[in-house]
């Protein structure tokens, strides 16, 4: 079943899925959103609050919420947890020194009651860099394989080249919990 078929099925239900994009600062959240919007991802600056973009796919709208990842902003993340249909968590796969911090933040998110039903896609970003860890190594560092009773996936990607972004978006749309609102 292709992405357009899935989108058409959701459109029949007249839903506009809300997708929340979180991760540490400099992980590539805004660059991913810009690339998905057919904008230049190389001119991105640090997000000081949030960005909202509607991604149109064959007349279907996905509402993408990109929230800044600086430590001071993370305390405000819970303000955006209402009615989330999918959580996309972005990890800088080339930043080994922050893996423990990003794992702790993801673990905190996964404990949130409002996000309990939302499928989780982890974008292992910056795969185009020679120093990037494999998705398997990122998955191990985030302890994803210990997750039970939660739909999740990890997708290697590059916000710069676009590699893996459409596959991740397709997985997200396919796994959105219909009727969870």
C-alpha atoms as a PDB file:
ATOM      1  CA  UNK A   1       0.000   0.000   0.000  1.00  0.00           C
ATOM      2  CA  UNK A   2       1.583   3.266  -1.114  1.00  0.00           C
ATOM      3  CA  UNK A   3       1.709   6.607   0.648  1.00  0.00           C
ATOM      4  CA  UNK A   4      -0.954   8.171  -1.580  1.00  0.00           C
ATOM      5  CA  UNK A   5      -3.368   5.311  -0.895  1.00  0.00           C
ATOM      6  CA  UNK A   6      -2.878   5.755   2.849  1.00  0.00           C
ATOM      7  CA  UNK A   7      -3.342   9.503   2.576  1.00  0.00           C
ATOM      8  CA  UNK A   8      -6.556   9.104   0.600  1.00  0.00           C
ATOM      9  CA  UNK A   9      -7.956   6.755   3.266  1.00  0.00           C
ATOM     10  CA  UNK A  10      -7.185   9.299   5.967  1.00  0.00           C
ATOM     11  CA  UNK A  11      -8.662  12.088   3.848  1.00  0.00           C
ATOM     12  CA  UNK A  12     -11.954  10.193   3.633  1.00  0.00           C
ATOM     13  CA  UNK A  13     -12.082  10.431   7.427  1.00  0.00           C
ATOM     14  CA  UNK A  14     -11.516  14.207   7.051  1.00  0.00           C
ATOM     15  CA  UNK A  15      -8.588  14.157   9.471  1.00  0.00           C
ATOM     16  CA  UNK A  16      -5.506  16.333   9.477  1.00  0.00           C
ATOM     17  CA  UNK A  17      -2.944  14.385  11.466  1.00  0.00           C
ATOM     18  CA  UNK A  18      -0.840  16.344  13.920  1.00  0.00           C
ATOM     19  CA  UNK A  19       2.780  15.243  13.885  1.00  0.00           C
ATOM     20  CA  UNK A  20       5.110  16.520  16.612  1.00  0.00           C
ATOM     21  CA  UNK A  21       8.820  16.771  15.773  1.00  0.00           C
ATOM     22  CA  UNK A  22      11.130  16.818  18.804  1.00  0.00           C
ATOM     23  CA  UNK A  23      14.805  16.241  19.541  1.00  0.00           C
ATOM     24  CA  UNK A  24      17.817  18.037  20.934  1.00  0.00           C
ATOM     25  CA  UNK A  25      18.988  21.313  19.468  1.00  0.00           C
ATOM     26  CA  UNK A  26      21.033  20.921  16.270  1.00  0.00           C
ATOM     27  CA  UNK A  27      19.636  17.443  15.564  1.00  0.00           C
ATOM     28  CA  UNK A  28      18.108  18.631  12.284  1.00  0.00           C
ATOM     29  CA  UNK A  29      14.381  18.930  13.072  1.00  0.00           C
ATOM     30  CA  UNK A  30      13.822  22.187  11.201  1.00  0.00           C
ATOM     31  CA  UNK A  31      16.057  21.107   8.327  1.00  0.00           C
ATOM     32  CA  UNK A  32      13.974  17.950   7.927  1.00  0.00           C
ATOM     33  CA  UNK A  33      10.777  19.983   7.950  1.00  0.00           C
ATOM     34  CA  UNK A  34      12.196  22.420   5.392  1.00  0.00           C
ATOM     35  CA  UNK A  35      13.324  19.575   3.123  1.00  0.00           C
ATOM     36  CA  UNK A  36       9.875  17.953   3.327  1.00  0.00           C
ATOM     37  CA  UNK A  37       8.404  21.354   2.365  1.00  0.00           C
ATOM     38  CA  UNK A  38      10.662  21.585  -0.700  1.00  0.00           C
ATOM     39  CA  UNK A  39      12.580  24.459   0.901  1.00  0.00           C
ATOM     40  CA  UNK A  40      16.343  24.822   1.182  1.00  0.00           C
ATOM     41  CA  UNK A  41      17.383  23.023   4.396  1.00  0.00           C
ATOM     42  CA  UNK A  42      20.871  24.589   4.391  1.00  0.00           C
ATOM     43  CA  UNK A  43      19.638  28.057   5.431  1.00  0.00           C
ATOM     44  CA  UNK A  44      18.116  26.888   8.715  1.00  0.00           C
ATOM     45  CA  UNK A  45      18.725  28.721  11.987  1.00  0.00           C
ATOM     46  CA  UNK A  46      18.127  27.489  15.528  1.00  0.00           C
ATOM     47  CA  UNK A  47      14.421  27.389  16.383  1.00  0.00           C
ATOM     48  CA  UNK A  48      13.709  29.692  19.324  1.00  0.00           C
ATOM     49  CA  UNK A  49      10.130  28.527  19.764  1.00  0.00           C
ATOM     50  CA  UNK A  50       8.289  26.423  17.227  1.00  0.00           C
ATOM     51  CA  UNK A  51       7.554  26.089  13.520  1.00  0.00           C
ATOM     52  CA  UNK A  52       4.319  24.787  12.081  1.00  0.00           C
ATOM     53  CA  UNK A  53       4.112  23.635   8.499  1.00  0.00           C
ATOM     54  CA  UNK A  54       1.394  21.891   6.617  1.00  0.00           C
ATOM     55  CA  UNK A  55       2.827  19.343   4.249  1.00  0.00           C
ATOM     56  CA  UNK A  56       0.490  18.735   1.326  1.00  0.00           C
ATOM     57  CA  UNK A  57       0.588  15.325  -0.280  1.00  0.00           C
ATOM     58  CA  UNK A  58      -1.841  14.896  -3.151  1.00  0.00           C
ATOM     59  CA  UNK A  59      -4.296  17.343  -1.598  1.00  0.00           C
ATOM     60  CA  UNK A  60      -3.958  15.862   1.903  1.00  0.00           C
ATOM     61  CA  UNK A  61      -2.615  17.988   4.762  1.00  0.00           C
ATOM     62  CA  UNK A  62      -0.223  16.819   7.485  1.00  0.00           C
ATOM     63  CA  UNK A  63       0.241  19.368  10.274  1.00  0.00           C
ATOM     64  CA  UNK A  64       3.903  19.212  11.335  1.00  0.00           C
ATOM     65  CA  UNK A  65       4.905  20.894  14.606  1.00  0.00           C
ATOM     66  CA  UNK A  66       8.657  21.437  15.030  1.00  0.00           C
ATOM     67  CA  UNK A  67       9.539  22.531  18.575  1.00  0.00           C
ATOM     68  CA  UNK A  68      12.939  23.957  19.509  1.00  0.00           C
ATOM     69  CA  UNK A  69      15.297  21.572  21.280  1.00  0.00           C
ATOM     70  CA  UNK A  70      17.447  23.869  23.407  1.00  0.00           C
ATOM     71  CA  UNK A  71      17.542  22.828  27.049  1.00  0.00           C
ATOM     72  CA  UNK A  72      15.599  25.939  28.180  1.00  0.00           C
ATOM     73  CA  UNK A  73      12.818  25.237  25.654  1.00  0.00           C
ATOM     74  CA  UNK A  74      12.404  21.528  26.494  1.00  0.00           C
ATOM     75  CA  UNK A  75      10.481  22.402  29.658  1.00  0.00           C
ATOM     76  CA  UNK A  76       7.729  23.760  27.377  1.00  0.00           C
ATOM     77  CA  UNK A  77       7.442  20.618  25.227  1.00  0.00           C
ATOM     78  CA  UNK A  78       4.489  19.246  27.266  1.00  0.00           C
ATOM     79  CA  UNK A  79       2.419  22.252  26.129  1.00  0.00           C
ATOM     80  CA  UNK A  80       2.345  20.648  22.658  1.00  0.00           C
ATOM     81  CA  UNK A  81       1.387  17.072  23.607  1.00  0.00           C
ATOM     82  CA  UNK A  82      -2.381  17.387  23.145  1.00  0.00           C
ATOM     83  CA  UNK A  83      -3.889  15.420  20.267  1.00  0.00           C
ATOM     84  CA  UNK A  84      -0.570  14.265  18.795  1.00  0.00           C
ATOM     85  CA  UNK A  85      -1.093  11.573  16.165  1.00  0.00           C
ATOM     86  CA  UNK A  86       2.593  10.730  15.696  1.00  0.00           C
ATOM     87  CA  UNK A  87       5.858  11.687  17.399  1.00  0.00           C
ATOM     88  CA  UNK A  88       8.943  12.088  15.249  1.00  0.00           C
ATOM     89  CA  UNK A  89      12.085  12.194  17.373  1.00  0.00           C
ATOM     90  CA  UNK A  90      15.201  13.413  15.559  1.00  0.00           C
ATOM     91  CA  UNK A  91      18.667  12.295  16.622  1.00  0.00           C
ATOM     92  CA  UNK A  92      21.976  13.625  15.296  1.00  0.00           C
ATOM     93  CA  UNK A  93      23.610  10.274  14.527  1.00  0.00           C
ATOM     94  CA  UNK A  94      27.016  11.954  14.183  1.00  0.00           C
ATOM     95  CA  UNK A  95      26.966  13.531  17.667  1.00  0.00           C
ATOM     96  CA  UNK A  96      28.129  10.675  19.891  1.00  0.00           C
ATOM     97  CA  UNK A  97      28.793  12.894  22.896  1.00  0.00           C
ATOM     98  CA  UNK A  98      25.074  13.767  23.223  1.00  0.00           C
ATOM     99  CA  UNK A  99      23.624  10.268  22.795  1.00  0.00           C
ATOM    100  CA  UNK A 100      23.099   9.816  26.525  1.00  0.00           C
ATOM    101  CA  UNK A 101      21.312  13.173  26.782  1.00  0.00           C
ATOM    102  CA  UNK A 102      19.072  12.478  23.783  1.00  0.00           C
ATOM    103  CA  UNK A 103      18.268   9.000  25.143  1.00  0.00           C
ATOM    104  CA  UNK A 104      17.219  10.521  28.480  1.00  0.00           C
ATOM    105  CA  UNK A 105      14.982  13.085  26.754  1.00  0.00           C
ATOM    106  CA  UNK A 106      13.336  10.409  24.619  1.00  0.00           C
ATOM    107  CA  UNK A 107      12.771   8.237  27.676  1.00  0.00           C
ATOM    108  CA  UNK A 108      11.052  11.164  29.415  1.00  0.00           C
ATOM    109  CA  UNK A 109       8.814  11.686  26.370  1.00  0.00           C
ATOM    110  CA  UNK A 110       7.883   8.018  26.275  1.00  0.00           C
ATOM    111  CA  UNK A 111       6.637   8.267  29.875  1.00  0.00           C
ATOM    112  CA  UNK A 112       4.155  11.025  28.968  1.00  0.00           C
ATOM    113  CA  UNK A 113       0.543   9.868  29.203  1.00  0.00           C
ATOM    114  CA  UNK A 114      -0.605  12.196  26.396  1.00  0.00           C
ATOM    115  CA  UNK A 115       1.903  10.595  24.010  1.00  0.00           C
ATOM    116  CA  UNK A 116       1.163   7.001  25.044  1.00  0.00           C
ATOM    117  CA  UNK A 117      -0.913   6.187  21.942  1.00  0.00           C
ATOM    118  CA  UNK A 118       1.274   8.031  19.443  1.00  0.00           C
ATOM    119  CA  UNK A 119       3.540   5.927  17.242  1.00  0.00           C
ATOM    120  CA  UNK A 120       7.175   7.023  17.430  1.00  0.00           C
ATOM    121  CA  UNK A 121       9.472   7.447  14.473  1.00  0.00           C
ATOM    122  CA  UNK A 122      13.120   8.079  15.262  1.00  0.00           C
ATOM    123  CA  UNK A 123      14.924   9.831  12.442  1.00  0.00           C
ATOM    124  CA  UNK A 124      18.610   8.918  12.700  1.00  0.00           C
ATOM    125  CA  UNK A 125      19.692  12.099  10.924  1.00  0.00           C
ATOM    126  CA  UNK A 126      22.940  13.142   9.259  1.00  0.00           C
ATOM    127  CA  UNK A 127      23.584   9.681   7.812  1.00  0.00           C
ATOM    128  CA  UNK A 128      25.448  11.432   4.986  1.00  0.00           C
ATOM    129  CA  UNK A 129      28.308  12.223   7.404  1.00  0.00           C
ATOM    130  CA  UNK A 130      31.205   9.774   7.690  1.00  0.00           C
ATOM    131  CA  UNK A 131      31.055   9.927  11.500  1.00  0.00           C
ATOM    132  CA  UNK A 132      27.367   8.989  11.722  1.00  0.00           C
ATOM    133  CA  UNK A 133      26.416   5.914  13.697  1.00  0.00           C
ATOM    134  CA  UNK A 134      24.305   3.248  12.055  1.00  0.00           C
ATOM    135  CA  UNK A 135      20.584   3.172  12.883  1.00  0.00           C
ATOM    136  CA  UNK A 136      21.243  -0.060  14.801  1.00  0.00           C
ATOM    137  CA  UNK A 137      23.829   1.685  17.005  1.00  0.00           C
ATOM    138  CA  UNK A 138      21.503   4.656  17.565  1.00  0.00           C
ATOM    139  CA  UNK A 139      18.674   2.252  18.410  1.00  0.00           C
ATOM    140  CA  UNK A 140      20.888   0.513  20.965  1.00  0.00           C
ATOM    141  CA  UNK A 141      21.990   3.839  22.499  1.00  0.00           C
ATOM    142  CA  UNK A 142      18.335   4.910  22.813  1.00  0.00           C
ATOM    143  CA  UNK A 143      17.347   1.481  24.181  1.00  0.00           C
ATOM    144  CA  UNK A 144      14.522   1.272  21.630  1.00  0.00           C
ATOM    145  CA  UNK A 145      14.415  -2.511  21.602  1.00  0.00           C
ATOM    146  CA  UNK A 146      13.214  -2.526  25.205  1.00  0.00           C
ATOM    147  CA  UNK A 147      10.028  -0.668  24.249  1.00  0.00           C
ATOM    148  CA  UNK A 148       6.905  -2.761  24.721  1.00  0.00           C
ATOM    149  CA  UNK A 149       3.320  -1.861  23.895  1.00  0.00           C
ATOM    150  CA  UNK A 150       4.413   0.969  21.612  1.00  0.00           C
ATOM    151  CA  UNK A 151       4.654   1.219  17.846  1.00  0.00           C
ATOM    152  CA  UNK A 152       8.056   2.571  16.858  1.00  0.00           C
ATOM    153  CA  UNK A 153      10.570   2.580  14.034  1.00  0.00           C
ATOM    154  CA  UNK A 154      13.973   4.039  13.308  1.00  0.00           C
ATOM    155  CA  UNK A 155      14.838   5.468   9.901  1.00  0.00           C
ATOM    156  CA  UNK A 156      18.248   6.659   8.816  1.00  0.00           C
ATOM    157  CA  UNK A 157      17.985   9.946   6.989  1.00  0.00           C
ATOM    158  CA  UNK A 158      19.687  13.071   5.801  1.00  0.00           C
ATOM    159  CA  UNK A 159      17.893  16.401   5.969  1.00  0.00           C
ATOM    160  CA  UNK A 160      20.514  17.708   3.563  1.00  0.00           C
ATOM    161  CA  UNK A 161      20.022  15.138   0.794  1.00  0.00           C
ATOM    162  CA  UNK A 162      16.480  14.005   1.619  1.00  0.00           C
ATOM    163  CA  UNK A 163      17.511  10.363   1.963  1.00  0.00           C
ATOM    164  CA  UNK A 164      15.045   8.393   4.084  1.00  0.00           C
ATOM    165  CA  UNK A 165      12.617  11.271   4.701  1.00  0.00           C
ATOM    166  CA  UNK A 166       9.799  10.029   2.469  1.00  0.00           C
ATOM    167  CA  UNK A 167      10.140   6.500   3.854  1.00  0.00           C
ATOM    168  CA  UNK A 168       9.868   7.856   7.391  1.00  0.00           C
ATOM    169  CA  UNK A 169       6.866   9.998   6.519  1.00  0.00           C
ATOM    170  CA  UNK A 170       5.188   7.011   4.866  1.00  0.00           C
ATOM    171  CA  UNK A 171       5.763   4.899   7.991  1.00  0.00           C
ATOM    172  CA  UNK A 172       4.325   7.713  10.147  1.00  0.00           C
ATOM    173  CA  UNK A 173       1.162   8.062   8.072  1.00  0.00           C
ATOM    174  CA  UNK A 174       0.669   4.294   7.976  1.00  0.00           C
ATOM    175  CA  UNK A 175       0.952   4.028  11.757  1.00  0.00           C
ATOM    176  CA  UNK A 176      -1.147   6.981  12.842  1.00  0.00           C
ATOM    177  CA  UNK A 177      -3.763   5.750  15.247  1.00  0.00           C
ATOM    178  CA  UNK A 178      -7.089   6.456  13.586  1.00  0.00           C
ATOM    179  CA  UNK A 179      -9.808   7.444  15.991  1.00  0.00           C
ATOM    180  CA  UNK A 180      -7.478   8.005  18.944  1.00  0.00           C
ATOM    181  CA  UNK A 181      -8.794  11.525  19.454  1.00  0.00           C
END
